[in-house]
Every structure is written in C-alpha cells, then in structure tokens.
N, C-alpha and C. Protein backbone atom coordinates (compact mmCIF):
# COMPACT_ATOMS: atom_id res chain seq x y z
N MET A 1 4.41 36.72 -74.62
CA MET A 1 3.32 35.76 -74.61
C MET A 1 1.99 36.50 -74.73
N GLN A 2 1.06 35.84 -75.38
CA GLN A 2 -0.27 36.41 -75.51
C GLN A 2 -1.07 36.15 -74.24
N GLU A 3 -1.93 37.10 -73.94
CA GLU A 3 -2.81 36.89 -72.79
C GLU A 3 -3.99 36.05 -73.23
N ARG A 4 -4.44 35.19 -72.34
CA ARG A 4 -5.59 34.35 -72.64
C ARG A 4 -6.86 35.18 -72.52
N LYS A 5 -7.81 34.88 -73.38
CA LYS A 5 -9.09 35.56 -73.29
C LYS A 5 -9.87 34.99 -72.12
N LYS A 6 -10.47 35.87 -71.36
CA LYS A 6 -11.27 35.42 -70.23
C LYS A 6 -12.74 35.60 -70.57
N TYR A 7 -13.44 34.52 -70.49
CA TYR A 7 -14.87 34.54 -70.77
C TYR A 7 -15.63 34.48 -69.45
N GLY A 8 -16.81 35.05 -69.45
CA GLY A 8 -17.65 34.98 -68.27
C GLY A 8 -18.22 33.59 -68.09
N LYS A 9 -18.52 33.24 -66.87
CA LYS A 9 -19.08 31.92 -66.59
C LYS A 9 -20.47 31.82 -67.20
N LYS A 10 -20.71 30.71 -67.88
CA LYS A 10 -22.01 30.50 -68.49
C LYS A 10 -23.01 30.12 -67.41
N ARG A 11 -24.21 30.62 -67.57
CA ARG A 11 -25.27 30.34 -66.59
C ARG A 11 -26.24 29.33 -67.17
N CYS A 12 -26.82 28.55 -66.29
CA CYS A 12 -27.80 27.54 -66.69
C CYS A 12 -29.10 28.24 -67.09
N LYS A 13 -29.55 28.00 -68.32
CA LYS A 13 -30.78 28.62 -68.81
C LYS A 13 -32.00 28.12 -68.04
N PHE A 14 -31.95 26.85 -67.65
CA PHE A 14 -33.10 26.25 -66.97
C PHE A 14 -33.22 26.77 -65.54
N CYS A 15 -32.08 27.03 -64.89
CA CYS A 15 -32.12 27.62 -63.55
C CYS A 15 -32.63 29.06 -63.62
N ASP A 16 -32.21 29.79 -64.66
CA ASP A 16 -32.67 31.17 -64.82
C ASP A 16 -34.17 31.24 -65.07
N MET A 17 -34.71 30.25 -65.83
CA MET A 17 -36.15 30.23 -66.10
C MET A 17 -36.93 29.54 -64.98
N LYS A 18 -36.21 29.02 -63.98
CA LYS A 18 -36.80 28.33 -62.83
C LYS A 18 -37.66 27.13 -63.26
N ILE A 19 -37.06 26.29 -64.11
CA ILE A 19 -37.73 25.07 -64.56
C ILE A 19 -37.27 23.92 -63.68
N ASP A 20 -38.23 23.22 -63.07
CA ASP A 20 -37.90 22.08 -62.23
C ASP A 20 -37.89 20.77 -63.02
N TYR A 21 -38.86 20.63 -63.94
CA TYR A 21 -39.00 19.38 -64.68
C TYR A 21 -38.97 19.69 -66.18
N ILE A 22 -38.16 18.95 -66.92
CA ILE A 22 -38.08 19.12 -68.37
C ILE A 22 -38.88 18.00 -69.00
N SER A 23 -39.98 18.35 -69.65
CA SER A 23 -40.86 17.36 -70.26
C SER A 23 -40.35 16.98 -71.64
N TYR A 24 -40.50 15.73 -72.00
CA TYR A 24 -40.07 15.28 -73.32
C TYR A 24 -41.04 15.76 -74.39
N LYS A 25 -42.23 16.19 -74.01
CA LYS A 25 -43.22 16.66 -74.97
C LYS A 25 -43.02 18.11 -75.35
N ASP A 26 -42.30 18.86 -74.53
CA ASP A 26 -42.10 20.29 -74.76
C ASP A 26 -40.88 20.50 -75.65
N LEU A 27 -41.11 20.61 -76.96
CA LEU A 27 -40.01 20.72 -77.90
C LEU A 27 -39.33 22.08 -77.84
N GLU A 28 -40.04 23.11 -77.41
CA GLU A 28 -39.42 24.43 -77.29
C GLU A 28 -38.33 24.41 -76.21
N THR A 29 -38.56 23.69 -75.13
CA THR A 29 -37.57 23.59 -74.06
C THR A 29 -36.41 22.69 -74.49
N LEU A 30 -36.71 21.62 -75.19
CA LEU A 30 -35.66 20.71 -75.66
C LEU A 30 -34.75 21.38 -76.67
N LYS A 31 -35.27 22.38 -77.37
CA LYS A 31 -34.50 23.09 -78.38
C LYS A 31 -33.27 23.79 -77.78
N LEU A 32 -33.33 24.12 -76.50
CA LEU A 32 -32.22 24.83 -75.85
C LEU A 32 -30.98 23.96 -75.68
N GLY A 33 -31.16 22.63 -75.63
CA GLY A 33 -30.02 21.76 -75.38
C GLY A 33 -29.69 20.81 -76.49
N VAL A 34 -30.26 21.05 -77.69
CA VAL A 34 -30.06 20.13 -78.81
C VAL A 34 -29.50 20.93 -79.98
N SER A 35 -28.55 20.33 -80.72
CA SER A 35 -27.97 21.01 -81.87
C SER A 35 -28.92 20.92 -83.07
N GLU A 36 -28.50 21.50 -84.19
CA GLU A 36 -29.34 21.49 -85.38
C GLU A 36 -29.48 20.10 -85.98
N ARG A 37 -28.62 19.18 -85.56
CA ARG A 37 -28.72 17.79 -86.02
C ARG A 37 -29.26 16.89 -84.93
N PHE A 38 -29.93 17.48 -83.95
CA PHE A 38 -30.59 16.78 -82.84
C PHE A 38 -29.64 16.00 -81.96
N LYS A 39 -28.40 16.47 -81.85
CA LYS A 39 -27.47 15.88 -80.90
C LYS A 39 -27.57 16.64 -79.59
N ILE A 40 -27.40 15.94 -78.48
CA ILE A 40 -27.43 16.58 -77.18
C ILE A 40 -26.14 17.37 -76.99
N MET A 41 -26.29 18.66 -76.73
CA MET A 41 -25.12 19.53 -76.56
C MET A 41 -24.52 19.31 -75.18
N PRO A 42 -23.19 19.29 -75.07
CA PRO A 42 -22.57 19.11 -73.76
C PRO A 42 -22.73 20.35 -72.88
N SER A 43 -22.68 20.14 -71.58
CA SER A 43 -22.91 21.24 -70.65
C SER A 43 -21.78 22.27 -70.69
N ARG A 44 -20.60 21.88 -71.14
CA ARG A 44 -19.50 22.85 -71.21
C ARG A 44 -19.74 23.87 -72.31
N LEU A 45 -20.56 23.53 -73.30
CA LEU A 45 -20.90 24.49 -74.35
C LEU A 45 -22.15 25.30 -74.01
N THR A 46 -23.13 24.66 -73.39
CA THR A 46 -24.39 25.35 -73.12
C THR A 46 -24.41 26.03 -71.76
N GLY A 47 -23.55 25.58 -70.83
CA GLY A 47 -23.55 26.17 -69.49
C GLY A 47 -24.60 25.59 -68.58
N THR A 48 -25.21 24.49 -68.98
CA THR A 48 -26.26 23.86 -68.19
C THR A 48 -25.67 23.18 -66.97
N CYS A 49 -26.35 23.29 -65.82
CA CYS A 49 -25.87 22.65 -64.60
C CYS A 49 -26.08 21.13 -64.69
N LYS A 50 -25.48 20.40 -63.78
CA LYS A 50 -25.51 18.94 -63.83
C LYS A 50 -26.93 18.39 -63.70
N LYS A 51 -27.70 18.97 -62.79
CA LYS A 51 -29.07 18.49 -62.55
C LYS A 51 -29.93 18.63 -63.81
N HIS A 52 -29.84 19.79 -64.45
CA HIS A 52 -30.66 20.02 -65.63
C HIS A 52 -30.10 19.31 -66.86
N GLN A 53 -28.79 19.10 -66.93
CA GLN A 53 -28.20 18.38 -68.06
C GLN A 53 -28.66 16.92 -68.05
N GLU A 54 -28.72 16.32 -66.87
CA GLU A 54 -29.20 14.94 -66.78
C GLU A 54 -30.67 14.84 -67.14
N ALA A 55 -31.47 15.81 -66.67
CA ALA A 55 -32.90 15.82 -66.99
C ALA A 55 -33.13 16.08 -68.48
N LEU A 56 -32.30 16.94 -69.06
CA LEU A 56 -32.42 17.24 -70.48
C LEU A 56 -32.08 16.02 -71.33
N SER A 57 -31.00 15.33 -71.00
CA SER A 57 -30.62 14.15 -71.78
C SER A 57 -31.67 13.05 -71.66
N LYS A 58 -32.25 12.90 -70.48
CA LYS A 58 -33.31 11.90 -70.31
C LYS A 58 -34.54 12.28 -71.13
N ALA A 59 -34.89 13.57 -71.16
CA ALA A 59 -36.06 14.02 -71.92
C ALA A 59 -35.84 13.87 -73.42
N VAL A 60 -34.62 14.15 -73.89
CA VAL A 60 -34.33 14.01 -75.32
C VAL A 60 -34.40 12.54 -75.72
N LYS A 61 -33.88 11.66 -74.89
CA LYS A 61 -33.93 10.23 -75.19
C LYS A 61 -35.36 9.72 -75.21
N ARG A 62 -36.20 10.23 -74.31
CA ARG A 62 -37.62 9.84 -74.30
C ARG A 62 -38.34 10.38 -75.54
N ALA A 63 -38.00 11.60 -75.95
CA ALA A 63 -38.62 12.18 -77.14
C ALA A 63 -38.21 11.42 -78.39
N ARG A 64 -36.98 10.94 -78.42
CA ARG A 64 -36.55 10.12 -79.55
C ARG A 64 -37.31 8.80 -79.58
N ALA A 65 -37.49 8.18 -78.43
CA ALA A 65 -38.20 6.90 -78.36
C ALA A 65 -39.67 7.08 -78.73
N ALA A 66 -40.24 8.24 -78.43
CA ALA A 66 -41.63 8.52 -78.76
C ALA A 66 -41.78 9.06 -80.18
N ALA A 67 -40.68 9.15 -80.92
CA ALA A 67 -40.65 9.60 -82.31
C ALA A 67 -41.06 11.06 -82.45
N LEU A 68 -40.81 11.87 -81.44
CA LEU A 68 -41.08 13.30 -81.54
C LEU A 68 -39.93 14.03 -82.22
N ILE A 69 -38.70 13.53 -82.01
CA ILE A 69 -37.53 14.05 -82.72
C ILE A 69 -36.77 12.85 -83.28
N PRO A 70 -36.06 13.02 -84.39
CA PRO A 70 -35.39 11.88 -85.01
C PRO A 70 -34.10 11.49 -84.30
N TYR A 71 -33.71 10.24 -84.49
CA TYR A 71 -32.42 9.78 -83.98
C TYR A 71 -31.29 10.31 -84.84
N ILE A 72 -31.47 10.26 -86.16
CA ILE A 72 -30.42 10.60 -87.11
C ILE A 72 -30.96 11.63 -88.09
N VAL A 73 -30.13 12.61 -88.40
CA VAL A 73 -30.47 13.60 -89.43
C VAL A 73 -29.48 13.42 -90.57
N ASP A 74 -29.99 13.41 -91.78
CA ASP A 74 -29.16 13.20 -92.97
C ASP A 74 -28.16 14.35 -93.12
N ARG A 75 -26.91 14.05 -93.32
CA ARG A 75 -25.87 15.07 -93.46
C ARG A 75 -26.05 15.90 -94.73
N LYS A 76 -26.58 15.29 -95.77
CA LYS A 76 -26.71 15.99 -97.04
C LYS A 76 -27.87 16.98 -97.03
N ASN A 77 -28.89 16.69 -96.26
CA ASN A 77 -30.08 17.55 -96.25
C ASN A 77 -30.23 18.28 -94.93
N VAL A 78 -29.17 18.89 -94.44
CA VAL A 78 -29.23 19.64 -93.18
C VAL A 78 -29.91 20.97 -93.45
N VAL A 79 -30.94 21.26 -92.64
CA VAL A 79 -31.67 22.51 -92.79
C VAL A 79 -31.29 23.44 -91.64
N GLU A 80 -31.67 24.71 -91.76
CA GLU A 80 -31.30 25.67 -90.73
C GLU A 80 -32.02 25.39 -89.41
N SER A 81 -33.31 25.14 -89.49
CA SER A 81 -34.08 24.90 -88.27
C SER A 81 -34.94 23.64 -88.44
N PRO A 82 -34.45 22.49 -88.03
CA PRO A 82 -35.23 21.26 -88.22
C PRO A 82 -36.48 21.21 -87.35
N PHE A 83 -36.56 22.07 -86.33
CA PHE A 83 -37.75 22.07 -85.49
C PHE A 83 -38.96 22.64 -86.22
N ASP A 84 -38.75 23.34 -87.34
CA ASP A 84 -39.87 23.87 -88.10
C ASP A 84 -40.69 22.76 -88.75
N LYS A 85 -40.03 21.66 -89.11
CA LYS A 85 -40.72 20.55 -89.74
C LYS A 85 -41.52 19.71 -88.75
N ILE A 86 -41.16 19.77 -87.48
CA ILE A 86 -41.83 18.97 -86.46
C ILE A 86 -43.09 19.68 -86.01
N LYS A 87 -44.19 18.95 -86.02
CA LYS A 87 -45.45 19.53 -85.59
C LYS A 87 -45.60 19.33 -84.08
N PRO A 88 -45.94 20.38 -83.34
CA PRO A 88 -46.13 20.23 -81.89
C PRO A 88 -47.36 19.39 -81.57
N LEU A 89 -47.33 18.72 -80.42
CA LEU A 89 -48.45 17.90 -80.00
C LEU A 89 -49.67 18.73 -79.67
N HIS A 90 -49.45 19.84 -79.03
CA HIS A 90 -50.55 20.71 -78.61
C HIS A 90 -50.19 22.16 -78.91
N LYS A 91 -51.20 22.97 -79.06
CA LYS A 91 -50.95 24.39 -79.33
C LYS A 91 -51.31 25.23 -78.16
C-alpha cells in the first residue's frame, strides 16, 4: 500500500495578520479569499478559521452589492488577475 502524503495544517492568514474586521471596501484583503472568478474560496482550501471565513463571506457579499466586485465573470474572457481592472476607492 502507498503511504498517504501528510500536509501541514493550514493557518488562517487573517489571524496571522491580526485582522479583527474585514472591510468590504478593502479589495486587497478580499483578494486573499476570492478566486480568479470572484468566487468565495472554502476554508478547507484557504485554511481560514471559522470566524474570519464568515466575516470574509459577508464582506464579499457586501462588495458585490456595492458593485465593487462583479457577481459573475465571463468564462470565455477569464484574465489572470481580474483585480487589476478594478479601480480602488482610495489610494
């Protein structure tokens, strides 16, 4: 029988950066939990803890409602980094 590969436990990026509140306006922070097609990544892939995963999903949904990020990305025109096209609110 083959031995199973053992991977290290993933750590929450938000806990490591000591972020308490995830703002829907901060697209750089939202980029950590969103795929290239603006789907919310599950915590089993990103290693995000439950508290920050709930806050992240709420912030992404608010950003979608505020039209900061799109709901749907066209499958035919997928780009490498869709965040480059989005202009930040503040510099």
